[in-house]
Protein backbone atom coordinates (compact mmCIF):
# COMPACT_ATOMS: atom_id res chain seq x y z
CA MET A 1 -3.46 -19.85 -18.87
CA GLY A 2 -3.10 -18.45 -15.65
CA LEU A 3 -0.50 -15.77 -14.18
CA GLN A 4 3.08 -16.16 -15.65
CA LEU A 5 6.29 -14.11 -14.19
CA TYR A 6 9.39 -13.49 -15.44
CA ASN A 7 11.87 -15.20 -13.44
CA THR A 8 15.58 -13.46 -13.58
CA LEU A 9 17.28 -16.49 -11.94
CA THR A 10 15.78 -18.52 -15.29
CA ARG A 11 15.41 -15.70 -17.61
CA GLN A 12 12.06 -17.18 -18.77
CA LYS A 13 8.52 -16.34 -18.24
CA GLU A 14 6.75 -19.63 -15.99
CA HIS A 15 4.13 -20.06 -14.74
CA PHE A 16 3.21 -19.45 -11.23
CA LYS A 17 2.71 -22.15 -8.92
CA PRO A 18 3.38 -21.22 -4.97
CA LEU A 19 4.43 -23.58 -2.91
CA HIS A 20 1.60 -23.97 -0.24
CA PRO A 21 -1.20 -22.94 -2.45
CA PRO A 22 -3.62 -21.03 -1.46
CA TYR A 23 -0.77 -19.60 0.61
CA VAL A 24 2.00 -16.82 -1.44
CA GLY A 25 4.86 -15.73 0.46
CA MET A 26 6.56 -12.70 -1.34
CA TYR A 27 9.65 -10.17 -0.05
CA VAL A 28 10.82 -7.51 -1.77
CA CYS A 29 14.11 -4.65 -0.99
CA GLY A 30 12.55 -1.98 0.85
CA PRO A 31 13.78 1.47 1.20
CA THR A 32 17.13 2.25 2.34
CA VAL A 33 15.40 5.53 4.69
CA TYR A 34 18.05 8.22 4.49
CA GLY A 35 16.73 10.68 2.06
CA ASP A 36 13.07 11.81 0.08
CA PRO A 37 11.69 8.99 -1.50
CA HIS A 38 11.85 9.44 -5.40
CA LEU A 39 11.57 8.19 -8.58
CA GLY A 40 12.46 4.97 -8.67
CA HIS A 41 10.95 3.95 -4.70
CA ALA A 42 7.62 4.65 -6.43
CA ARG A 43 8.47 2.13 -9.20
CA ALA A 44 9.57 -0.48 -7.34
CA ALA A 45 6.52 0.53 -4.66
CA VAL A 46 3.84 0.54 -7.61
CA THR A 47 4.76 -2.63 -9.28
CA PHE A 48 4.97 -5.32 -6.65
CA ASP A 49 1.59 -3.00 -5.18
CA VAL A 50 -0.10 -4.00 -8.69
CA LEU A 51 1.45 -7.81 -8.07
CA PHE A 52 0.86 -7.92 -4.23
CA ARG A 53 -3.06 -6.91 -5.56
CA TYR A 54 -3.84 -9.54 -8.30
CA LEU A 55 -2.77 -12.61 -6.45
CA GLN A 56 -5.26 -11.66 -3.40
CA TYR A 57 -7.51 -11.24 -6.01
CA LEU A 58 -6.52 -14.62 -7.54
CA GLY A 59 -7.63 -15.72 -4.59
CA TYR A 60 -4.12 -16.33 -2.70
CA ARG A 61 -3.60 -15.33 0.87
CA VAL A 62 -0.54 -13.54 0.74
CA ARG A 63 1.89 -12.45 3.36
CA TYR A 64 3.75 -9.62 1.46
CA VAL A 65 6.98 -8.30 3.66
CA ARG A 66 8.83 -5.36 2.17
CA ASN A 67 11.99 -4.37 4.69
CA ILE A 68 12.91 -1.05 5.68
CA THR A 69 16.70 -0.67 6.21
CA ASP A 70 18.25 1.38 8.75
CA VAL A 71 21.32 0.21 9.06
CA GLY A 72 24.10 -1.88 7.37
CA HIS A 73 23.80 -0.36 3.85
CA LEU A 74 27.10 1.45 2.51
CA GLU A 75 27.94 3.67 0.86
CA GLY A 76 29.27 1.56 -1.92
CA ASP A 77 26.47 -1.23 -1.84
CA ALA A 78 29.36 -3.45 -0.48
CA ASP A 79 31.96 -3.58 2.40
CA GLU A 80 33.24 0.18 1.75
CA GLY A 81 32.47 3.96 2.51
CA GLU A 82 30.09 4.89 5.75
CA ASP A 83 26.75 3.63 6.61
CA LYS A 84 24.26 5.40 4.85
CA ILE A 85 22.23 6.55 7.44
CA LEU A 86 25.09 7.36 9.78
CA LYS A 87 25.93 9.56 7.12
CA LYS A 88 23.03 11.46 7.06
CA ALA A 89 22.82 11.16 10.76
CA ARG A 90 26.43 12.91 11.24
CA LEU A 91 26.00 15.45 8.51
CA GLU A 92 22.34 16.88 10.62
CA LYS A 93 23.69 16.06 13.75
CA VAL A 94 21.01 13.70 15.57
CA GLU A 95 20.80 10.02 16.21
CA PRO A 96 20.15 7.79 13.67
CA ILE A 97 17.55 6.76 14.58
CA GLU A 98 16.03 10.13 13.62
CA ILE A 99 17.15 10.42 10.29
CA ALA A 100 15.24 6.40 10.03
CA GLN A 101 12.05 7.37 12.24
CA ARG A 102 11.59 10.88 9.98
CA TYR A 103 12.40 9.29 6.26
CA THR A 104 10.56 6.33 6.96
CA ALA A 105 7.61 8.53 8.11
CA LEU A 106 8.16 9.79 4.51
CA TYR A 107 8.00 6.66 2.34
CA HIS A 108 5.07 6.00 3.99
CA LYS A 109 2.86 9.37 3.25
CA ALA A 110 4.10 9.54 -0.40
CA MET A 111 3.56 5.64 -0.74
CA ASP A 112 -0.04 6.31 0.70
CA ALA A 113 -0.88 9.21 -1.61
CA LEU A 114 0.01 6.47 -4.66
CA GLY A 115 -2.19 4.16 -3.32
CA VAL A 116 0.34 1.82 -2.32
CA LEU A 117 -1.08 -0.68 0.18
CA ARG A 118 0.68 -1.58 3.03
CA PRO A 119 2.77 -4.83 3.17
CA SER A 120 1.47 -7.52 5.49
CA ILE A 121 5.00 -7.07 7.31
CA GLU A 122 7.45 -4.22 6.99
CA PRO A 123 10.33 -5.63 9.55
CA THR A 124 13.13 -3.29 10.17
CA ALA A 125 17.01 -4.79 9.61
CA THR A 126 17.43 -3.11 13.35
CA GLY A 127 14.88 -5.38 15.24
CA HIS A 128 16.41 -8.10 13.50
CA ILE A 129 19.95 -8.24 14.84
CA ALA A 130 19.44 -11.73 16.81
CA GLN A 131 18.33 -13.24 13.40
CA GLN A 132 21.15 -11.75 11.43
CA ILE A 133 23.80 -13.35 13.90
CA ALA A 134 22.23 -16.90 14.22
CA MET A 135 22.79 -17.18 10.09
CA ILE A 136 25.71 -16.24 10.44
CA GLN A 137 26.75 -18.69 12.87
CA ARG A 138 25.28 -21.75 10.43
CA ILE A 139 27.32 -19.94 7.85
CA LEU A 140 30.39 -19.88 9.71
CA GLU A 141 29.62 -23.64 11.29
CA ARG A 142 28.77 -25.26 7.96
CA GLY A 143 32.41 -23.93 6.75
CA TYR A 144 31.39 -20.80 4.12
CA ALA A 145 32.67 -17.81 6.46
CA TYR A 146 35.51 -16.59 8.11
CA GLU A 147 36.27 -14.33 11.02
CA VAL A 148 38.96 -12.13 10.67
CA ASN A 149 39.62 -9.35 13.79
CA GLY A 150 35.91 -8.60 14.67
CA SER A 151 34.68 -9.37 10.85
CA VAL A 152 33.06 -12.12 9.78
CA TYR A 153 32.92 -12.62 5.50
CA LEU A 154 31.68 -15.00 3.03
CA ASP A 155 33.75 -16.90 1.95
CA VAL A 156 33.17 -17.10 -2.04
CA GLU A 157 36.02 -19.48 -3.01
CA ALA A 158 34.93 -21.60 -0.66
CA TYR A 159 31.06 -21.55 -1.45
CA ARG A 160 31.35 -22.00 -5.33
CA LYS A 161 33.21 -25.47 -4.14
CA ALA A 162 29.99 -26.35 -3.27
CA TYR A 163 27.21 -24.55 -5.29
CA PRO A 164 27.76 -22.96 -8.46
CA TYR A 165 27.81 -18.77 -7.61
CA GLY A 166 26.42 -15.95 -9.97
CA ILE A 167 23.40 -17.69 -11.06
CA LEU A 168 21.30 -14.97 -10.92
CA SER A 169 23.58 -12.04 -12.20
CA GLY A 170 25.14 -14.25 -14.23
CA ARG A 171 29.08 -12.85 -12.86
CA SER A 172 31.49 -15.15 -12.64
CA VAL A 173 34.05 -14.90 -10.63
CA GLU A 174 36.41 -14.16 -12.81
CA GLU A 175 34.93 -11.12 -13.69
CA LEU A 176 34.89 -10.24 -10.19
CA ILE A 177 38.58 -10.85 -10.03
CA ALA A 178 39.10 -8.57 -13.27
CA GLY A 179 36.87 -5.61 -11.71
CA SER A 180 38.23 -5.91 -8.43
CA ARG A 181 40.40 -3.20 -6.74
CA ASP A 182 42.36 -3.21 -3.46
CA LEU A 183 39.74 -0.88 -1.32
CA GLU A 184 40.93 0.77 2.04
CA GLY A 185 40.04 -1.38 5.22
CA GLN A 186 39.61 -4.73 2.69
CA SER A 187 43.41 -6.50 2.91
CA GLU A 188 41.80 -8.30 6.06
CA LYS A 189 39.44 -10.38 3.30
CA ARG A 190 41.07 -13.31 1.77
CA ASN A 191 39.32 -11.78 -1.52
CA PRO A 192 38.33 -9.00 -2.30
CA TRP A 193 35.04 -10.81 -3.70
CA ASP A 194 34.27 -11.99 -0.73
CA PHE A 195 31.60 -9.54 1.07
CA ALA A 196 30.51 -8.86 5.09
CA LEU A 197 28.12 -11.02 7.16
CA TRP A 198 29.12 -8.84 10.37
CA LYS A 199 31.51 -5.42 10.62
CA ARG A 200 33.47 -4.66 13.61
CA ALA A 201 33.20 -0.99 14.85
CA GLU A 202 34.64 1.19 16.13
CA PRO A 203 33.96 2.65 19.49
CA SER A 204 33.16 5.97 17.93
CA HIS A 205 30.23 3.92 15.41
CA LEU A 206 26.81 5.29 16.25
CA MET A 207 25.30 1.45 15.79
CA GLN A 208 26.78 -1.15 17.43
CA TRP A 209 25.04 -4.62 19.09
CA ASP A 210 27.07 -7.21 20.50
CA SER A 211 27.96 -10.72 18.96
CA PRO A 212 29.87 -13.70 19.65
CA TRP A 213 32.81 -11.95 17.43
CA GLY A 214 32.62 -8.79 19.67
CA ARG A 215 30.79 -5.46 19.23
CA GLY A 216 29.99 -4.43 15.36
CA TYR A 217 26.83 -4.24 12.80
CA PRO A 218 25.07 -6.53 10.31
CA GLY A 219 26.06 -6.32 6.41
CA TRP A 220 22.96 -4.97 4.23
CA HIS A 221 23.00 -8.57 2.35
CA ILE A 222 22.33 -9.99 5.58
CA GLU A 223 19.40 -8.40 6.71
CA CYS A 224 17.27 -9.19 3.80
CA SER A 225 18.10 -13.41 3.88
CA ALA A 226 17.19 -13.42 8.07
CA MET A 227 14.24 -11.27 7.70
CA SER A 228 12.62 -12.90 4.57
CA ILE A 229 13.47 -16.25 5.64
CA HIS A 230 12.47 -15.45 9.17
CA TYR A 231 8.77 -14.82 7.75
CA LEU A 232 8.62 -16.59 4.81
CA GLY A 233 10.88 -19.83 5.70
CA VAL A 234 13.20 -21.02 3.31
CA PRO A 235 12.18 -21.03 0.30
CA PHE A 236 9.61 -19.34 -0.11
CA ASP A 237 7.62 -17.80 -3.67
CA ILE A 238 8.49 -14.11 -4.89
CA HIS A 239 11.47 -11.97 -4.11
CA GLY A 240 11.68 -8.61 -5.67
CA GLY A 241 13.31 -5.50 -6.09
CA GLY A 242 14.60 -3.30 -8.35
CA LEU A 243 16.70 -4.21 -11.38
CA ASP A 244 19.58 -2.77 -10.00
CA LEU A 245 19.54 -4.41 -6.80
CA ILE A 246 20.59 -8.39 -8.94
CA PHE A 247 24.23 -7.56 -8.19
CA PRO A 248 25.24 -7.92 -5.45
CA HIS A 249 22.46 -7.48 -3.26
CA HIS A 250 20.44 -10.24 -4.79
CA GLU A 251 23.42 -12.49 -5.99
CA ALA A 252 24.71 -12.18 -2.08
CA GLU A 253 21.54 -13.71 -0.84
CA ILE A 254 21.38 -16.30 -2.98
CA THR A 255 24.75 -17.19 -1.76
CA GLN A 256 23.52 -16.71 2.11
CA ALA A 257 21.05 -18.71 1.89
CA GLN A 258 22.19 -21.53 0.03
CA ALA A 259 25.71 -20.76 2.81
CA CYS A 260 23.26 -21.51 5.07
CA TYR A 261 20.71 -24.12 4.79
CA GLY A 262 22.10 -26.41 1.63
CA GLU A 263 20.17 -27.24 -1.03
CA GLU A 264 16.69 -26.77 1.01
CA ALA A 265 17.34 -23.55 0.00
CA CYS A 266 16.45 -23.58 -3.55
CA HIS A 267 17.93 -20.26 -4.32
CA GLN A 268 16.23 -18.38 -1.35
CA ALA A 269 13.15 -17.99 -3.33
CA ARG A 270 11.68 -19.98 -6.47
CA TYR A 271 10.51 -16.81 -8.46
CA TRP A 272 12.50 -13.14 -8.96
CA VAL A 273 11.22 -10.94 -9.84
CA HIS A 274 12.75 -7.30 -10.96
CA ASN A 275 11.24 -4.26 -11.88
CA ASN A 276 13.73 -1.96 -14.43
CA LEU A 277 15.18 1.43 -13.35
CA VAL A 278 13.81 5.05 -14.00
CA THR A 279 15.49 7.12 -16.20
CA ILE A 280 14.89 10.97 -16.63
CA GLU A 281 14.56 12.10 -20.03
CA GLY A 282 16.71 9.51 -21.15
CA GLN A 283 19.60 9.85 -18.99
CA LYS A 284 20.35 7.78 -15.82
CA MET A 285 18.00 9.37 -12.82
CA SER A 286 21.58 10.64 -10.20
CA LYS A 287 22.06 13.78 -8.52
CA SER A 288 25.33 14.66 -9.25
CA LEU A 289 22.93 15.56 -12.70
CA GLY A 290 20.98 17.27 -10.98
CA ASN A 291 17.77 15.48 -12.40
CA PHE A 292 16.57 13.96 -9.42
CA ILE A 293 13.24 14.28 -8.51
CA THR A 294 11.76 13.10 -5.52
CA VAL A 295 7.95 12.47 -5.50
CA GLU A 296 7.02 15.19 -3.46
CA GLU A 297 8.54 17.34 -5.98
CA ILE A 298 5.97 16.20 -8.51
CA PHE A 299 3.42 16.64 -6.30
CA THR A 300 4.25 19.95 -5.41
CA GLY A 301 6.08 20.95 -8.48
CA THR A 302 8.57 22.54 -6.74
CA HIS A 303 11.76 20.83 -8.65
CA PRO A 304 13.22 23.10 -11.76
CA GLN A 305 12.02 20.76 -14.50
CA LEU A 306 8.69 21.05 -13.75
CA SER A 307 5.92 23.86 -14.94
CA ARG A 308 3.67 22.62 -11.89
CA GLY A 309 2.61 20.26 -9.35
CA TYR A 310 0.92 17.06 -10.52
CA PRO A 311 -1.88 14.79 -8.03
CA PRO A 312 -0.22 10.68 -7.13
CA MET A 313 -2.20 9.42 -9.44
CA ALA A 314 -0.68 11.20 -12.70
CA LEU A 315 2.26 9.59 -11.52
CA ARG A 316 0.54 6.25 -10.72
CA PHE A 317 -0.94 6.14 -14.42
CA LEU A 318 2.77 7.10 -15.49
CA ILE A 319 4.24 4.04 -13.66
CA LEU A 320 1.62 1.59 -15.15
CA GLN A 321 1.30 2.48 -18.64
CA ALA A 322 5.09 1.58 -19.47
CA HIS A 323 5.37 -2.44 -18.64
CA TYR A 324 7.47 -3.43 -15.48
CA ARG A 325 10.34 -5.10 -17.12
CA SER A 326 10.88 -1.78 -19.68
CA THR A 327 12.84 1.39 -18.54
CA LEU A 328 10.30 4.10 -17.33
CA ASP A 329 11.41 7.17 -19.38
CA PHE A 330 10.50 10.15 -17.14
CA SER A 331 10.05 13.50 -18.33
CA GLU A 332 7.15 16.21 -17.73
CA SER A 333 5.72 15.78 -21.18
CA ALA A 334 5.71 12.16 -20.28
CA LEU A 335 3.28 12.84 -16.95
CA LEU A 336 1.29 15.55 -18.54
CA ALA A 337 -0.31 12.30 -21.01
CA ALA A 338 -0.40 10.45 -18.22
CA TYR A 339 -2.52 12.68 -16.42
CA ARG A 340 -4.43 12.96 -19.78
CA GLY A 341 -5.07 9.87 -19.36
CA TYR A 342 -5.77 9.11 -16.40
CA LEU A 343 -8.68 11.27 -16.28
CA ARG A 344 -9.65 10.09 -19.58
CA LEU A 345 -10.42 6.83 -17.85
CA MET A 346 -12.17 8.16 -15.13
CA THR A 347 -14.31 10.24 -17.00
CA ALA A 348 -15.07 6.89 -19.11
CA TYR A 349 -15.70 4.97 -15.95
CA ARG A 350 -18.05 8.05 -14.76
CA ARG A 351 -20.20 7.50 -17.65
CA LEU A 352 -19.86 3.66 -17.60
CA MET A 353 -21.90 3.34 -14.73
CA GLU A 354 -24.26 5.95 -15.59
CA VAL A 355 -25.20 3.53 -18.66
CA ARG A 356 -29.10 1.32 -18.83
CA PRO A 357 -29.24 -1.81 -19.25
CA HIS A 358 -30.91 -2.86 -22.95
CA VAL A 359 -32.93 -5.87 -24.30
CA TYR A 360 -29.80 -7.28 -26.40
CA SER A 361 -26.19 -6.74 -26.31
CA SER A 362 -24.34 -5.68 -29.13
CA PHE A 363 -20.40 -5.12 -27.33
CA PRO A 364 -18.99 -8.92 -27.30
CA VAL A 365 -17.91 -7.94 -23.19
CA LYS A 366 -16.35 -11.07 -22.38
CA ALA A 367 -14.15 -11.50 -24.91
CA TRP A 368 -12.64 -8.15 -24.14
CA ARG A 369 -13.01 -9.17 -20.36
CA GLU A 370 -10.88 -12.29 -21.47
CA LYS A 371 -7.54 -9.61 -23.12
CA VAL A 372 -7.72 -8.08 -20.35
CA PHE A 373 -6.91 -10.23 -18.02
CA ALA A 374 -4.90 -12.46 -20.69
CA ALA A 375 -2.95 -9.11 -20.71
CA LEU A 376 -2.21 -8.97 -16.58
CA ASP A 377 -1.21 -12.94 -16.76
CA ASP A 378 1.15 -12.33 -19.20
CA ASP A 379 3.76 -10.99 -16.44
CA LEU A 380 1.57 -8.21 -15.75
CA ASN A 381 1.47 -6.49 -18.67
CA THR A 382 -0.72 -3.09 -17.51
CA ALA A 383 0.56 -1.90 -20.20
CA ALA A 384 -1.39 -3.79 -22.53
CA ALA A 385 -4.10 -3.73 -20.19
CA LEU A 386 -4.48 -0.14 -20.27
CA ALA A 387 -4.40 -0.11 -24.29
CA LEU A 388 -7.88 -2.13 -23.82
CA PHE A 389 -9.28 0.36 -21.58
CA PHE A 390 -8.30 3.01 -23.54
CA GLU A 391 -9.54 1.42 -26.88
CA GLN A 392 -13.32 0.91 -25.03
CA THR A 393 -13.93 4.82 -24.22
CA GLU A 394 -15.90 5.37 -27.56
CA ASP A 395 -17.51 2.24 -26.96
CA ILE A 396 -18.99 3.65 -23.61
CA LEU A 397 -20.31 7.04 -25.53
CA LYS A 398 -21.95 5.06 -27.51
CA LEU A 399 -23.78 2.91 -25.20
CA ARG A 400 -24.05 6.27 -22.98
CA ARG A 401 -25.65 7.44 -26.46
CA GLN A 402 -27.15 4.74 -26.90
CA GLU A 403 -25.53 3.58 -30.64
CA LEU A 404 -24.70 0.26 -28.95
CA PHE A 405 -25.93 -1.60 -26.14
CA LEU A 406 -26.29 -4.20 -23.60
CA THR A 407 -27.85 -6.72 -21.45
CA GLN A 408 -27.91 -6.34 -17.33
CA GLU A 409 -25.79 -9.28 -17.43
CA ASP A 410 -23.34 -7.51 -20.07
CA LEU A 411 -23.71 -4.03 -18.53
CA ASP A 412 -23.27 -5.91 -15.22
CA SER A 413 -20.18 -7.42 -15.89
CA LEU A 414 -18.25 -4.34 -17.87
CA GLN A 415 -18.82 -2.37 -14.79
CA LYS A 416 -17.43 -4.80 -12.53
CA THR A 417 -14.52 -4.98 -14.82
CA TRP A 418 -13.83 -1.45 -15.16
CA LYS A 419 -13.72 -1.61 -11.22
CA GLU A 420 -12.11 -4.54 -10.02
CA VAL A 421 -9.21 -3.83 -12.70
CA LEU A 422 -8.56 0.20 -13.01
CA LEU A 423 -9.42 0.19 -8.99
CA ASP A 424 -8.71 -2.91 -7.10
CA ILE A 425 -5.99 -4.15 -9.13
CA LEU A 426 -4.59 -1.13 -10.74
CA GLY A 427 -4.89 0.24 -7.80
CA LEU A 428 -5.80 3.79 -9.24
CA GLN A 429 -8.62 6.21 -7.59
CA PRO A 430 -11.08 7.73 -8.54
CA ASP A 431 -10.80 12.43 -8.80
CA ALA A 432 -14.25 12.73 -7.47
CA HIS A 433 -14.40 13.82 -3.83
CA VAL A 434 -18.09 13.75 -3.49
CA LYS A 435 -20.84 11.76 -5.52
CA TRP A 436 -19.98 12.66 -8.99
CA GLN A 437 -23.21 11.02 -10.46
CA GLN A 438 -25.58 13.81 -8.68
CA TRP A 439 -22.86 16.65 -10.12
CA GLU A 440 -22.15 15.34 -13.78
CA ARG A 441 -24.69 16.83 -15.72
CA ALA A 442 -24.66 20.38 -13.91
CA ILE A 443 -20.78 20.35 -14.83
CA GLN A 444 -21.12 19.19 -18.13
CA LEU A 445 -23.77 21.83 -18.81
CA LEU A 446 -21.56 24.66 -17.41
CA LEU A 447 -18.53 22.78 -19.67
CA ASN A 448 -20.43 23.28 -22.45
CA LEU A 449 -21.67 26.82 -21.74
CA ARG A 450 -17.98 27.86 -21.52
CA ARG A 451 -17.39 25.95 -24.50
CA GLU A 452 -19.53 28.27 -26.07
CA ALA A 453 -18.26 31.57 -24.54
CA ARG A 454 -14.53 30.44 -25.74
CA SER A 455 -15.97 29.86 -29.50
CA ASN A 456 -17.84 33.48 -29.29
CA LYS A 457 -14.25 34.75 -28.07
CA ASN A 458 -16.38 35.29 -25.28
CA TYR A 459 -13.14 35.08 -22.53
CA ALA A 460 -14.11 36.74 -19.96
CA LEU A 461 -18.02 34.78 -19.48
CA ALA A 462 -15.54 31.34 -19.90
CA ASP A 463 -12.86 32.43 -17.40
CA LEU A 464 -15.96 33.44 -14.43
CA LEU A 465 -17.29 29.47 -15.58
CA ARG A 466 -13.88 27.90 -15.04
CA ASP A 467 -13.12 30.05 -11.62
CA GLU A 468 -16.76 29.08 -10.42
CA LEU A 469 -16.49 25.58 -11.20
CA ASP A 470 -12.48 25.65 -9.55
CA ARG A 471 -14.26 26.97 -6.70
CA ILE A 472 -17.13 24.83 -6.35
CA GLY A 473 -14.33 21.94 -6.15
CA VAL A 474 -14.32 20.99 -9.97
CA LYS A 475 -10.85 21.71 -11.92
CA VAL A 476 -10.70 22.18 -15.23
CA LEU A 477 -8.00 21.31 -17.86
CA ASP A 478 -8.17 22.47 -21.53
CA PHE A 479 -6.30 20.66 -23.93
CA PRO A 480 -5.81 21.14 -27.69
CA ASP A 481 -9.41 18.32 -28.50
CA GLU A 482 -10.70 18.05 -25.63
CA THR A 483 -12.02 19.89 -22.35
CA LEU A 484 -11.54 17.07 -18.88
CA TRP A 485 -12.01 17.61 -15.50
CA GLU A 486 -11.16 16.35 -12.42
CA MET A 487 -12.77 17.26 -8.83
CA HIS A 488 -10.66 18.36 -6.23
CA PRO A 489 -11.06 18.70 -1.88
């Protein structure tokens, strides 16, 4: 069947066919670096990390570009309010570059912990001012923008006389008219729904550059169009990001690309892929509701809604257990369940690696492997793929007990599938920091002694065994129906 992706542009699943195989160009909107990385950042990063990994697994040579927005993203996500990074810099009385560098480093630290691969290229908006100015000049020359008092705006009315507007979000200009309101500083626009390509800067503005229109800074939308096209050409294969970016950001990107390059832009990218949002116990995540959770708070357990800290793989597993296009509802109970599921699969993985071959097979490895990859090919359905691994945990126990059998060829295939999918494609990292094959039998013996002590109500011995295991690097986790363990540093 081959890989199918849901294309927001066409609102249907489509077979993925790159423009220039085996090469694939993928651009994903990265963070605006003015605060600690949070659950929304984690979900987007993990989603496109899996797509990046899977495309490479399928044999494609992927140029993955994920930007850093370090200027131009205003509070209103359009042309209103203050630059988010400048506002943070003023509050902390530091230079904007300090804010950008600090939170870029924190973003990298969190994503590295989650097993997210670094992109091929990670451009910054401030490092590509020349490309943005050149693109704005071309849009002006083609008659789809206008300059007013040192600011440049895209002329939506002029644009939609030549090209359809709103094709990604489904919004029409009439809807924008109905929802528009007078905003301070926007009176210089011809129409309220026009958006800024370049903004005039006051002398006190901390980040500004020379341009043909005077000192100023770029609009948020032009940054991604300029950087993606600079590194991937136009059109390119995949543009990704969160669902909340469809409008106005991604709609504006398509508008800018076609205003600049005409029909050859072909909507800038051929496949527009969006991950859904994160909610907290059914509510939208926001600072005003007091349910805003950062990645670091999950790792350390310092958020009021958490009773303890959780390792990075617990969060990654939680993200993978939901299809990327469905809402991910976060709660501590869901995170704990994900952590338990992760440990169960890692335990099964360890057991599988110790299975010995037989002269014949009594398990349909090939059919099972085909189902796993069919799930991944079906719009990257990681939830369905993981469900197939959970279904196999009992069979792995039977293989260990020699109640089921596999030939060497089938065993190799099964072990290869577990490693390729869980570790290489889904990016889960084994929980052991030592060669667990040498230790598992001794650990299991101590766990059996502890279980027997607990059944005999000898809790002092049970606690002693747990503490001794912890001392040598084995963390014991008790659940109502089973005890699991993991290695820790």
